[in-house]
Every structure is written in C-alpha cells, then in structure tokens.
Amino acid sequence: MAETTEVLSTIGSSIRRLRLQRGMTLQMLATATGLSSSMLSLLERGKAGPSIGTLVVIASALDTQMAELLGAADRGDDQPVTRRAAQQSYATAEGVQRRIMKNDTVNGIEIAINEYNPGTASAPRPVAHQGFEFGIVLEGALEITLNERTYELSEGDIVSYRSTDPHRIANPGGRKARALWVNLKPR
C-alpha cells in the first residue's frame, strides 16, 4: 500500500511539474487530454490511479513519455545496458502492469513489457495520442481495438499503428497475456 501511495504521489507531482513548466493550466491539460479538470486534479494530488492509456495520453499532451511521469530517469542513448533492477514498473488497480525497459527521449523511443491479467485493458475506452506503436504478443492473446475495428492477436503476432488512431488493448481471455510494446514519439 505504501508503495502504491508513493507511485501515485510521484506520478501526480510529475504531472503537475511538467504542466507548470509548460505554462499549462489544469483546464488546458484537460482540453488536450479529453480528461476532466477534476480528474487531473485528483491525479496531481495522488488521489487516483490512472490507467496505462490515461498515462500515455497525459504524457503525450505534456510532450514527454510515460516513463517521465513515473519518475524514471531518461537514459538517452549513452547507456548501452539497462539492468532489470533499474527498469520502472507501474501496475494499475485494474490489473495491467507496464515495465518500462528503455526510455530514450533523445531518440524518441520507449520500450516496455505490458502484462494484462484476464479481463483487463489498457484503458476503459480507446485513446489517442502522438506517436507510433508496435506491439508483439509474447504470451497469451490480446484484442486490439483500432479505429473501431477489433483484431485478435496470438503469441508471435505483431500490430503496428499511428498512436493518433483511437486504440485500446484488452485481454478478454482466461489467462495472463504479455506483450513487448515499442512507442515512438515524433521528433
């Protein structure tokens, strides 16, 4: 519980710091993300736990990547190895976990392992943000909703799409699913 409180506090203070650095009001960020000002206020105060999709949308609106919201240091391209112990993880209350393996803002790439417990999803509804994504299913199966069309992916399947297309990743199956996810940020 203390770890969850600390993570939510880190996320909240990061959102607030980045928003203020960019001269944005809560309302401006709300407009950019499609979230309410009151929800953003709860997030900034560490009183609510965002979905993975919500974090990615907020990060995009703040012109950064999700790793920075989690307080992870940008390793750029000068560190050839990122040890498992140094990789930042975030678990949603709904049961989705994202482990950021590499965050390289210099080259505009974030690489993560996403784990979806049965019946979980990246967000309650499809989200859109800046960038481009690739996802490879490593274990289990996932459903990807992309522009209101649903695709079923099994182990070894890959999906790629513009992040500006509304998308949602879900595990409707009865066992955990794991995927390698690569997010490219436009430079």
N, C-alpha and C. Protein backbone atom coordinates (compact mmCIF):
# COMPACT_ATOMS: atom_id res chain seq x y z
N MET A 1 0.82 -1.20 0.00
CA MET A 1 0.00 0.00 0.00
C MET A 1 0.87 1.27 0.00
N ALA A 2 1.92 1.27 0.82
CA ALA A 2 2.80 2.44 0.87
C ALA A 2 3.49 2.65 -0.47
N GLU A 3 3.84 1.52 -1.14
CA GLU A 3 4.49 1.61 -2.45
C GLU A 3 3.52 2.23 -3.47
N THR A 4 2.26 1.82 -3.44
CA THR A 4 1.25 2.37 -4.34
C THR A 4 1.06 3.85 -4.09
N THR A 5 0.97 4.26 -2.84
CA THR A 5 0.82 5.67 -2.48
C THR A 5 2.01 6.47 -2.98
N GLU A 6 3.21 5.92 -2.84
CA GLU A 6 4.42 6.61 -3.29
C GLU A 6 4.43 6.76 -4.82
N VAL A 7 4.03 5.72 -5.54
CA VAL A 7 3.98 5.77 -7.00
C VAL A 7 2.96 6.80 -7.46
N LEU A 8 1.76 6.81 -6.85
CA LEU A 8 0.73 7.78 -7.22
C LEU A 8 1.19 9.20 -6.92
N SER A 9 1.90 9.38 -5.82
CA SER A 9 2.42 10.70 -5.47
C SER A 9 3.47 11.15 -6.49
N THR A 10 4.34 10.23 -6.91
CA THR A 10 5.36 10.55 -7.91
C THR A 10 4.71 10.93 -9.23
N ILE A 11 3.72 10.15 -9.66
CA ILE A 11 3.00 10.44 -10.90
C ILE A 11 2.36 11.82 -10.81
N GLY A 12 1.66 12.07 -9.71
CA GLY A 12 0.96 13.34 -9.54
C GLY A 12 1.89 14.53 -9.55
N SER A 13 2.99 14.43 -8.81
CA SER A 13 3.92 15.57 -8.78
C SER A 13 4.61 15.75 -10.13
N SER A 14 4.85 14.67 -10.86
CA SER A 14 5.44 14.78 -12.20
C SER A 14 4.49 15.48 -13.16
N ILE A 15 3.22 15.09 -13.12
CA ILE A 15 2.23 15.74 -13.99
C ILE A 15 2.17 17.23 -13.69
N ARG A 16 2.08 17.57 -12.42
CA ARG A 16 1.98 18.98 -12.03
C ARG A 16 3.24 19.75 -12.45
N ARG A 17 4.41 19.20 -12.17
CA ARG A 17 5.68 19.86 -12.52
C ARG A 17 5.77 20.10 -14.02
N LEU A 18 5.48 19.08 -14.82
CA LEU A 18 5.57 19.22 -16.27
C LEU A 18 4.51 20.18 -16.80
N ARG A 19 3.31 20.12 -16.24
CA ARG A 19 2.24 21.03 -16.67
C ARG A 19 2.64 22.47 -16.42
N LEU A 20 3.16 22.75 -15.23
CA LEU A 20 3.56 24.11 -14.89
C LEU A 20 4.77 24.57 -15.71
N GLN A 21 5.71 23.66 -15.95
CA GLN A 21 6.87 24.00 -16.79
C GLN A 21 6.43 24.44 -18.19
N ARG A 22 5.34 23.86 -18.65
CA ARG A 22 4.85 24.17 -20.00
C ARG A 22 3.83 25.31 -20.00
N GLY A 23 3.62 25.92 -18.82
CA GLY A 23 2.70 27.05 -18.71
C GLY A 23 1.24 26.67 -18.94
N MET A 24 0.89 25.44 -18.60
CA MET A 24 -0.48 24.97 -18.82
C MET A 24 -1.30 25.03 -17.54
N THR A 25 -2.55 25.41 -17.66
CA THR A 25 -3.49 25.31 -16.55
C THR A 25 -4.07 23.90 -16.56
N LEU A 26 -4.76 23.54 -15.49
CA LEU A 26 -5.46 22.24 -15.46
C LEU A 26 -6.46 22.16 -16.61
N GLN A 27 -7.15 23.26 -16.88
CA GLN A 27 -8.15 23.26 -17.96
C GLN A 27 -7.49 23.06 -19.32
N MET A 28 -6.34 23.66 -19.52
CA MET A 28 -5.63 23.47 -20.80
C MET A 28 -5.21 22.01 -20.98
N LEU A 29 -4.73 21.39 -19.90
CA LEU A 29 -4.35 19.98 -19.96
C LEU A 29 -5.59 19.11 -20.15
N ALA A 30 -6.69 19.49 -19.51
CA ALA A 30 -7.94 18.74 -19.68
C ALA A 30 -8.39 18.77 -21.14
N THR A 31 -8.32 19.93 -21.75
CA THR A 31 -8.69 20.07 -23.16
C THR A 31 -7.79 19.21 -24.04
N ALA A 32 -6.50 19.21 -23.75
CA ALA A 32 -5.53 18.46 -24.56
C ALA A 32 -5.68 16.95 -24.41
N THR A 33 -6.15 16.50 -23.25
CA THR A 33 -6.23 15.05 -22.99
C THR A 33 -7.63 14.47 -23.12
N GLY A 34 -8.66 15.32 -23.03
CA GLY A 34 -10.02 14.81 -23.02
C GLY A 34 -10.46 14.34 -21.63
N LEU A 35 -9.61 14.57 -20.63
CA LEU A 35 -9.95 14.23 -19.25
C LEU A 35 -10.53 15.46 -18.57
N SER A 36 -11.26 15.26 -17.50
CA SER A 36 -11.82 16.40 -16.78
C SER A 36 -10.75 17.05 -15.91
N SER A 37 -10.95 18.35 -15.63
CA SER A 37 -10.04 19.06 -14.74
C SER A 37 -10.04 18.43 -13.36
N SER A 38 -11.20 17.98 -12.91
CA SER A 38 -11.28 17.37 -11.57
C SER A 38 -10.51 16.06 -11.52
N MET A 39 -10.56 15.26 -12.60
CA MET A 39 -9.79 14.01 -12.63
C MET A 39 -8.30 14.32 -12.63
N LEU A 40 -7.88 15.31 -13.41
CA LEU A 40 -6.48 15.69 -13.44
C LEU A 40 -6.01 16.20 -12.08
N SER A 41 -6.86 16.93 -11.40
CA SER A 41 -6.54 17.41 -10.06
C SER A 41 -6.34 16.24 -9.09
N LEU A 42 -7.22 15.24 -9.19
CA LEU A 42 -7.08 14.04 -8.35
C LEU A 42 -5.76 13.32 -8.65
N LEU A 43 -5.42 13.23 -9.92
CA LEU A 43 -4.17 12.58 -10.31
C LEU A 43 -2.97 13.36 -9.77
N GLU A 44 -2.99 14.68 -9.93
CA GLU A 44 -1.88 15.51 -9.46
C GLU A 44 -1.69 15.41 -7.95
N ARG A 45 -2.78 15.20 -7.23
CA ARG A 45 -2.70 15.09 -5.77
C ARG A 45 -2.45 13.65 -5.31
N GLY A 46 -2.30 12.72 -6.27
CA GLY A 46 -2.03 11.33 -5.92
C GLY A 46 -3.22 10.62 -5.33
N LYS A 47 -4.43 11.11 -5.61
CA LYS A 47 -5.65 10.55 -5.03
C LYS A 47 -6.36 9.57 -5.95
N ALA A 48 -5.86 9.41 -7.19
CA ALA A 48 -6.47 8.47 -8.13
C ALA A 48 -5.37 7.75 -8.89
N GLY A 49 -5.65 6.52 -9.28
CA GLY A 49 -4.70 5.71 -10.04
C GLY A 49 -5.11 5.65 -11.51
N PRO A 50 -4.31 6.23 -12.40
CA PRO A 50 -4.66 6.25 -13.81
C PRO A 50 -4.41 4.91 -14.51
N SER A 51 -5.13 4.69 -15.59
CA SER A 51 -4.88 3.53 -16.44
C SER A 51 -3.61 3.79 -17.24
N ILE A 52 -3.08 2.75 -17.86
CA ILE A 52 -1.90 2.90 -18.73
C ILE A 52 -2.24 3.87 -19.86
N GLY A 53 -3.42 3.70 -20.45
CA GLY A 53 -3.85 4.58 -21.55
C GLY A 53 -3.92 6.03 -21.12
N THR A 54 -4.43 6.29 -19.93
CA THR A 54 -4.52 7.65 -19.41
C THR A 54 -3.13 8.25 -19.23
N LEU A 55 -2.21 7.47 -18.68
CA LEU A 55 -0.83 7.96 -18.51
C LEU A 55 -0.19 8.31 -19.84
N VAL A 56 -0.40 7.47 -20.85
CA VAL A 56 0.19 7.72 -22.16
C VAL A 56 -0.41 8.98 -22.78
N VAL A 57 -1.72 9.18 -22.63
CA VAL A 57 -2.38 10.37 -23.18
C VAL A 57 -1.87 11.63 -22.49
N ILE A 58 -1.74 11.58 -21.17
CA ILE A 58 -1.23 12.74 -20.42
C ILE A 58 0.22 13.02 -20.83
N ALA A 59 1.04 11.98 -20.90
CA ALA A 59 2.43 12.16 -21.31
C ALA A 59 2.52 12.80 -22.69
N SER A 60 1.69 12.35 -23.61
CA SER A 60 1.70 12.91 -24.96
C SER A 60 1.32 14.39 -24.94
N ALA A 61 0.30 14.74 -24.16
CA ALA A 61 -0.14 16.14 -24.07
C ALA A 61 0.95 17.02 -23.45
N LEU A 62 1.78 16.42 -22.60
CA LEU A 62 2.87 17.16 -21.96
C LEU A 62 4.18 17.03 -22.74
N ASP A 63 4.10 16.46 -23.92
CA ASP A 63 5.25 16.29 -24.81
C ASP A 63 6.39 15.52 -24.14
N THR A 64 6.03 14.39 -23.53
CA THR A 64 7.02 13.53 -22.89
C THR A 64 6.57 12.09 -23.06
N GLN A 65 7.23 11.17 -22.38
CA GLN A 65 6.83 9.77 -22.40
C GLN A 65 6.41 9.34 -21.01
N MET A 66 5.69 8.24 -20.95
CA MET A 66 5.15 7.76 -19.68
C MET A 66 6.23 7.58 -18.62
N ALA A 67 7.41 7.16 -19.01
CA ALA A 67 8.49 6.93 -18.04
C ALA A 67 8.78 8.17 -17.21
N GLU A 68 8.70 9.35 -17.82
CA GLU A 68 8.98 10.57 -17.07
C GLU A 68 7.91 10.82 -16.02
N LEU A 69 6.67 10.44 -16.29
CA LEU A 69 5.61 10.60 -15.29
C LEU A 69 5.85 9.68 -14.09
N LEU A 70 6.51 8.56 -14.34
CA LEU A 70 6.82 7.61 -13.26
C LEU A 70 8.08 7.97 -12.50
N GLY A 71 8.73 9.05 -12.95
CA GLY A 71 9.94 9.50 -12.27
C GLY A 71 11.19 8.77 -12.72
N ALA A 72 11.10 8.02 -13.83
CA ALA A 72 12.27 7.29 -14.33
C ALA A 72 13.22 8.26 -15.01
N ALA A 73 14.48 8.03 -14.80
CA ALA A 73 15.49 8.88 -15.44
C ALA A 73 15.59 8.52 -16.91
N ASP A 74 15.77 9.54 -17.73
CA ASP A 74 16.00 9.32 -19.15
C ASP A 74 17.44 8.88 -19.33
N ARG A 75 17.63 7.71 -19.88
CA ARG A 75 18.98 7.18 -20.06
C ARG A 75 19.58 7.56 -21.40
N GLY A 76 18.76 8.15 -22.29
CA GLY A 76 19.27 8.54 -23.59
C GLY A 76 19.93 7.37 -24.29
N ASP A 77 20.77 7.67 -25.24
CA ASP A 77 21.42 6.58 -25.98
C ASP A 77 22.84 6.34 -25.48
N ASP A 78 23.23 6.96 -24.37
CA ASP A 78 24.60 6.81 -23.89
C ASP A 78 24.79 5.61 -22.97
N GLN A 79 23.71 4.95 -22.57
CA GLN A 79 23.79 3.78 -21.71
C GLN A 79 23.40 2.55 -22.52
N PRO A 80 24.34 1.70 -22.88
CA PRO A 80 24.00 0.56 -23.73
C PRO A 80 23.21 -0.53 -23.00
N VAL A 81 23.29 -0.58 -21.68
CA VAL A 81 22.61 -1.63 -20.92
C VAL A 81 21.71 -1.00 -19.86
N THR A 82 20.49 -1.48 -19.78
CA THR A 82 19.59 -1.09 -18.70
C THR A 82 19.25 -2.37 -17.93
N ARG A 83 19.72 -2.48 -16.71
CA ARG A 83 19.51 -3.67 -15.89
C ARG A 83 18.05 -3.78 -15.44
N ARG A 84 17.59 -4.99 -15.27
CA ARG A 84 16.21 -5.26 -14.84
C ARG A 84 15.87 -4.48 -13.57
N ALA A 85 16.79 -4.42 -12.63
CA ALA A 85 16.54 -3.74 -11.36
C ALA A 85 16.30 -2.24 -11.55
N ALA A 86 16.79 -1.67 -12.63
CA ALA A 86 16.63 -0.24 -12.88
C ALA A 86 15.39 0.09 -13.72
N GLN A 87 14.67 -0.93 -14.16
CA GLN A 87 13.50 -0.71 -15.01
C GLN A 87 12.28 -0.40 -14.15
N GLN A 88 11.64 0.71 -14.45
CA GLN A 88 10.48 1.21 -13.71
C GLN A 88 9.22 0.43 -14.09
N SER A 89 8.40 0.07 -13.09
CA SER A 89 7.13 -0.63 -13.34
C SER A 89 5.98 0.17 -12.76
N TYR A 90 4.83 0.01 -13.40
CA TYR A 90 3.60 0.62 -12.90
C TYR A 90 2.47 -0.39 -13.08
N ALA A 91 1.71 -0.62 -12.02
CA ALA A 91 0.56 -1.53 -12.09
C ALA A 91 -0.71 -0.73 -11.81
N THR A 92 -1.71 -0.91 -12.66
CA THR A 92 -2.99 -0.23 -12.46
C THR A 92 -3.83 -1.02 -11.46
N ALA A 93 -4.83 -0.38 -10.90
CA ALA A 93 -5.75 -1.05 -9.99
C ALA A 93 -6.52 -2.15 -10.72
N GLU A 94 -6.66 -2.00 -12.04
CA GLU A 94 -7.42 -2.97 -12.84
C GLU A 94 -6.63 -4.23 -13.15
N GLY A 95 -5.32 -4.24 -12.90
CA GLY A 95 -4.52 -5.44 -13.12
C GLY A 95 -3.66 -5.46 -14.36
N VAL A 96 -3.32 -4.29 -14.89
CA VAL A 96 -2.39 -4.20 -16.01
C VAL A 96 -1.07 -3.68 -15.46
N GLN A 97 0.02 -4.32 -15.86
CA GLN A 97 1.34 -3.87 -15.41
C GLN A 97 2.18 -3.51 -16.62
N ARG A 98 2.91 -2.38 -16.51
CA ARG A 98 3.80 -1.93 -17.58
C ARG A 98 5.18 -1.75 -16.99
N ARG A 99 6.17 -2.48 -17.54
CA ARG A 99 7.56 -2.35 -17.11
C ARG A 99 8.31 -1.66 -18.24
N ILE A 100 8.78 -0.46 -17.97
CA ILE A 100 9.50 0.31 -18.98
C ILE A 100 10.94 -0.17 -18.98
N MET A 101 11.30 -0.84 -20.05
CA MET A 101 12.63 -1.44 -20.17
C MET A 101 13.67 -0.41 -20.61
N LYS A 102 13.27 0.49 -21.49
CA LYS A 102 14.18 1.52 -22.00
C LYS A 102 13.37 2.76 -22.33
N ASN A 103 13.82 3.88 -21.83
CA ASN A 103 13.22 5.18 -22.14
C ASN A 103 14.34 6.05 -22.71
N ASP A 104 14.24 6.35 -23.98
CA ASP A 104 15.28 7.11 -24.66
C ASP A 104 14.62 8.29 -25.38
N THR A 105 14.50 9.41 -24.68
CA THR A 105 13.85 10.57 -25.28
C THR A 105 14.71 11.22 -26.36
N VAL A 106 16.01 11.00 -26.30
CA VAL A 106 16.90 11.54 -27.33
C VAL A 106 16.50 10.99 -28.69
N ASN A 107 16.22 9.70 -28.74
CA ASN A 107 15.84 9.04 -29.99
C ASN A 107 14.34 8.83 -30.12
N GLY A 108 13.56 9.29 -29.13
CA GLY A 108 12.10 9.22 -29.20
C GLY A 108 11.53 7.83 -29.13
N ILE A 109 12.09 6.97 -28.26
CA ILE A 109 11.60 5.59 -28.16
C ILE A 109 11.42 5.17 -26.71
N GLU A 110 10.36 4.42 -26.47
CA GLU A 110 10.13 3.81 -25.17
C GLU A 110 9.77 2.35 -25.44
N ILE A 111 10.46 1.43 -24.76
CA ILE A 111 10.22 0.01 -24.94
C ILE A 111 9.75 -0.55 -23.61
N ALA A 112 8.64 -1.30 -23.65
CA ALA A 112 8.04 -1.80 -22.41
C ALA A 112 7.51 -3.21 -22.58
N ILE A 113 7.37 -3.89 -21.45
CA ILE A 113 6.65 -5.16 -21.38
C ILE A 113 5.35 -4.85 -20.67
N ASN A 114 4.24 -5.16 -21.33
CA ASN A 114 2.92 -4.97 -20.73
C ASN A 114 2.35 -6.35 -20.38
N GLU A 115 1.82 -6.48 -19.18
CA GLU A 115 1.17 -7.71 -18.75
C GLU A 115 -0.28 -7.40 -18.42
N TYR A 116 -1.17 -8.19 -19.00
CA TYR A 116 -2.60 -8.00 -18.83
C TYR A 116 -3.19 -9.22 -18.15
N ASN A 117 -3.71 -9.05 -16.95
CA ASN A 117 -4.43 -10.14 -16.30
C ASN A 117 -5.72 -10.39 -17.07
N PRO A 118 -6.33 -11.57 -16.92
CA PRO A 118 -7.59 -11.84 -17.63
C PRO A 118 -8.64 -10.75 -17.34
N GLY A 119 -9.31 -10.30 -18.40
CA GLY A 119 -10.37 -9.32 -18.25
C GLY A 119 -9.91 -7.88 -18.08
N THR A 120 -8.65 -7.59 -18.33
CA THR A 120 -8.15 -6.23 -18.16
C THR A 120 -7.88 -5.57 -19.50
N ALA A 121 -7.67 -4.25 -19.46
CA ALA A 121 -7.41 -3.49 -20.69
C ALA A 121 -6.52 -2.30 -20.38
N SER A 122 -5.94 -1.74 -21.44
CA SER A 122 -5.05 -0.59 -21.31
C SER A 122 -5.78 0.66 -20.86
N ALA A 123 -7.07 0.75 -21.18
CA ALA A 123 -7.89 1.91 -20.83
C ALA A 123 -9.35 1.51 -20.92
N PRO A 124 -10.23 2.23 -20.24
CA PRO A 124 -11.66 1.90 -20.31
C PRO A 124 -12.25 2.06 -21.71
N ARG A 125 -11.69 3.01 -22.48
CA ARG A 125 -12.17 3.25 -23.84
C ARG A 125 -10.97 3.56 -24.72
N PRO A 126 -11.10 3.47 -26.02
CA PRO A 126 -9.96 3.77 -26.89
C PRO A 126 -9.41 5.19 -26.65
N VAL A 127 -8.09 5.29 -26.71
CA VAL A 127 -7.41 6.57 -26.52
C VAL A 127 -6.53 6.86 -27.74
N ALA A 128 -6.17 8.11 -27.89
CA ALA A 128 -5.28 8.53 -28.98
C ALA A 128 -4.27 9.51 -28.41
N HIS A 129 -3.08 9.50 -28.98
CA HIS A 129 -2.01 10.40 -28.55
C HIS A 129 -1.00 10.48 -29.69
N GLN A 130 0.03 11.25 -29.52
CA GLN A 130 1.05 11.40 -30.56
C GLN A 130 1.95 10.16 -30.61
N GLY A 131 2.48 9.87 -31.79
CA GLY A 131 3.47 8.82 -31.91
C GLY A 131 3.06 7.68 -32.83
N PHE A 132 3.81 6.60 -32.73
CA PHE A 132 3.59 5.38 -33.49
C PHE A 132 3.92 4.22 -32.57
N GLU A 133 3.19 3.09 -32.70
CA GLU A 133 3.37 1.96 -31.81
C GLU A 133 3.54 0.65 -32.55
N PHE A 134 4.32 -0.24 -31.94
CA PHE A 134 4.44 -1.63 -32.37
C PHE A 134 4.20 -2.49 -31.14
N GLY A 135 3.42 -3.54 -31.27
CA GLY A 135 3.21 -4.47 -30.16
C GLY A 135 3.35 -5.90 -30.65
N ILE A 136 4.09 -6.71 -29.90
CA ILE A 136 4.29 -8.12 -30.21
C ILE A 136 3.77 -8.93 -29.03
N VAL A 137 2.83 -9.83 -29.28
CA VAL A 137 2.30 -10.68 -28.22
C VAL A 137 3.32 -11.78 -27.93
N LEU A 138 3.78 -11.83 -26.69
CA LEU A 138 4.77 -12.82 -26.28
C LEU A 138 4.13 -14.04 -25.64
N GLU A 139 2.99 -13.84 -25.01
CA GLU A 139 2.32 -14.92 -24.28
C GLU A 139 0.83 -14.62 -24.22
N GLY A 140 0.00 -15.63 -24.41
CA GLY A 140 -1.44 -15.43 -24.33
C GLY A 140 -1.99 -14.81 -25.61
N ALA A 141 -3.09 -14.09 -25.47
CA ALA A 141 -3.75 -13.46 -26.61
C ALA A 141 -4.30 -12.10 -26.19
N LEU A 142 -4.35 -11.18 -27.14
CA LEU A 142 -4.87 -9.84 -26.89
C LEU A 142 -5.83 -9.45 -28.00
N GLU A 143 -6.76 -8.58 -27.66
CA GLU A 143 -7.62 -7.93 -28.65
C GLU A 143 -7.21 -6.48 -28.74
N ILE A 144 -6.96 -6.02 -29.96
CA ILE A 144 -6.59 -4.63 -30.20
C ILE A 144 -7.75 -3.98 -30.93
N THR A 145 -8.35 -2.98 -30.32
CA THR A 145 -9.38 -2.20 -30.99
C THR A 145 -8.69 -0.98 -31.56
N LEU A 146 -8.83 -0.82 -32.87
CA LEU A 146 -8.14 0.23 -33.60
C LEU A 146 -9.12 0.84 -34.58
N ASN A 147 -9.43 2.13 -34.37
CA ASN A 147 -10.42 2.80 -35.23
C ASN A 147 -11.73 2.02 -35.30
N GLU A 148 -12.21 1.58 -34.15
CA GLU A 148 -13.49 0.88 -34.01
C GLU A 148 -13.51 -0.52 -34.63
N ARG A 149 -12.35 -1.03 -35.04
CA ARG A 149 -12.26 -2.39 -35.55
C ARG A 149 -11.40 -3.20 -34.58
N THR A 150 -11.82 -4.43 -34.29
CA THR A 150 -11.10 -5.26 -33.33
C THR A 150 -10.31 -6.35 -34.05
N TYR A 151 -9.05 -6.50 -33.62
CA TYR A 151 -8.16 -7.51 -34.17
C TYR A 151 -7.76 -8.45 -33.03
N GLU A 152 -7.78 -9.75 -33.29
CA GLU A 152 -7.34 -10.73 -32.30
C GLU A 152 -5.91 -11.11 -32.61
N LEU A 153 -5.04 -11.01 -31.60
CA LEU A 153 -3.63 -11.34 -31.76
C LEU A 153 -3.26 -12.48 -30.84
N SER A 154 -2.50 -13.43 -31.35
CA SER A 154 -2.00 -14.56 -30.59
C SER A 154 -0.49 -14.43 -30.44
N GLU A 155 0.11 -15.38 -29.71
CA GLU A 155 1.55 -15.37 -29.50
C GLU A 155 2.29 -15.26 -30.83
N GLY A 156 3.24 -14.32 -30.90
CA GLY A 156 4.04 -14.12 -32.09
C GLY A 156 3.47 -13.11 -33.07
N ASP A 157 2.20 -12.73 -32.92
CA ASP A 157 1.60 -11.73 -33.80
C ASP A 157 2.09 -10.34 -33.43
N ILE A 158 2.14 -9.47 -34.43
CA ILE A 158 2.58 -8.08 -34.22
C ILE A 158 1.53 -7.13 -34.78
N VAL A 159 1.38 -6.00 -34.12
CA VAL A 159 0.49 -4.95 -34.57
C VAL A 159 1.30 -3.66 -34.64
N SER A 160 0.98 -2.81 -35.60
CA SER A 160 1.63 -1.50 -35.69
C SER A 160 0.59 -0.49 -36.16
N TYR A 161 0.64 0.72 -35.61
CA TYR A 161 -0.35 1.73 -35.95
C TYR A 161 0.10 3.10 -35.48
N ARG A 162 -0.50 4.13 -36.08
CA ARG A 162 -0.30 5.50 -35.63
C ARG A 162 -1.03 5.65 -34.28
N SER A 163 -0.36 6.19 -33.31
CA SER A 163 -0.96 6.37 -31.98
C SER A 163 -2.10 7.38 -32.01
N THR A 164 -2.17 8.19 -33.05
CA THR A 164 -3.27 9.16 -33.18
C THR A 164 -4.58 8.46 -33.56
N ASP A 165 -4.51 7.19 -33.97
CA ASP A 165 -5.72 6.41 -34.22
C ASP A 165 -6.24 5.90 -32.88
N PRO A 166 -7.51 6.12 -32.54
CA PRO A 166 -8.02 5.64 -31.26
C PRO A 166 -7.78 4.12 -31.13
N HIS A 167 -7.19 3.73 -29.98
CA HIS A 167 -6.83 2.34 -29.79
C HIS A 167 -7.00 1.91 -28.33
N ARG A 168 -7.20 0.62 -28.16
CA ARG A 168 -7.35 0.01 -26.84
C ARG A 168 -6.85 -1.42 -26.93
N ILE A 169 -6.10 -1.85 -25.92
CA ILE A 169 -5.57 -3.21 -25.87
C ILE A 169 -6.26 -3.92 -24.70
N ALA A 170 -6.79 -5.11 -24.97
CA ALA A 170 -7.53 -5.83 -23.92
C ALA A 170 -7.19 -7.32 -23.93
N ASN A 171 -7.34 -7.93 -22.77
CA ASN A 171 -7.18 -9.37 -22.62
C ASN A 171 -8.52 -9.96 -22.19
N PRO A 172 -9.33 -10.40 -23.16
CA PRO A 172 -10.62 -10.98 -22.80
C PRO A 172 -10.52 -12.45 -22.40
N GLY A 173 -9.32 -13.04 -22.51
CA GLY A 173 -9.12 -14.46 -22.26
C GLY A 173 -9.06 -14.81 -20.78
N GLY A 174 -8.82 -16.08 -20.53
CA GLY A 174 -8.80 -16.60 -19.17
C GLY A 174 -7.41 -16.73 -18.57
N ARG A 175 -6.36 -16.33 -19.32
CA ARG A 175 -5.01 -16.39 -18.75
C ARG A 175 -4.26 -15.09 -19.05
N LYS A 176 -3.19 -14.88 -18.30
CA LYS A 176 -2.41 -13.65 -18.45
C LYS A 176 -1.84 -13.56 -19.86
N ALA A 177 -1.75 -12.33 -20.37
CA ALA A 177 -1.13 -12.06 -21.66
C ALA A 177 0.03 -11.10 -21.43
N ARG A 178 1.13 -11.30 -22.18
CA ARG A 178 2.30 -10.43 -22.11
C ARG A 178 2.62 -9.97 -23.51
N ALA A 179 3.05 -8.71 -23.62
CA ALA A 179 3.40 -8.15 -24.92
C ALA A 179 4.59 -7.21 -24.78
N LEU A 180 5.42 -7.21 -25.80
CA LEU A 180 6.50 -6.24 -25.91
C LEU A 180 5.94 -5.06 -26.69
N TRP A 181 6.05 -3.87 -26.12
CA TRP A 181 5.48 -2.68 -26.74
C TRP A 181 6.56 -1.65 -27.01
N VAL A 182 6.56 -1.10 -28.20
CA VAL A 182 7.51 -0.07 -28.59
C VAL A 182 6.72 1.17 -28.99
N ASN A 183 6.95 2.26 -28.28
CA ASN A 183 6.30 3.54 -28.57
C ASN A 183 7.34 4.50 -29.15
N LEU A 184 7.04 5.02 -30.33
CA LEU A 184 7.91 6.02 -30.95
C LEU A 184 7.25 7.37 -30.83
N LYS A 185 8.01 8.33 -30.41
CA LYS A 185 7.49 9.69 -30.27
C LYS A 185 8.00 10.52 -31.41
N PRO A 186 7.12 11.31 -32.04
CA PRO A 186 7.60 12.15 -33.13
C PRO A 186 8.61 13.18 -32.62
N ARG A 187 9.65 13.41 -33.43
CA ARG A 187 10.66 14.39 -33.02
C ARG A 187 10.60 15.59 -33.92
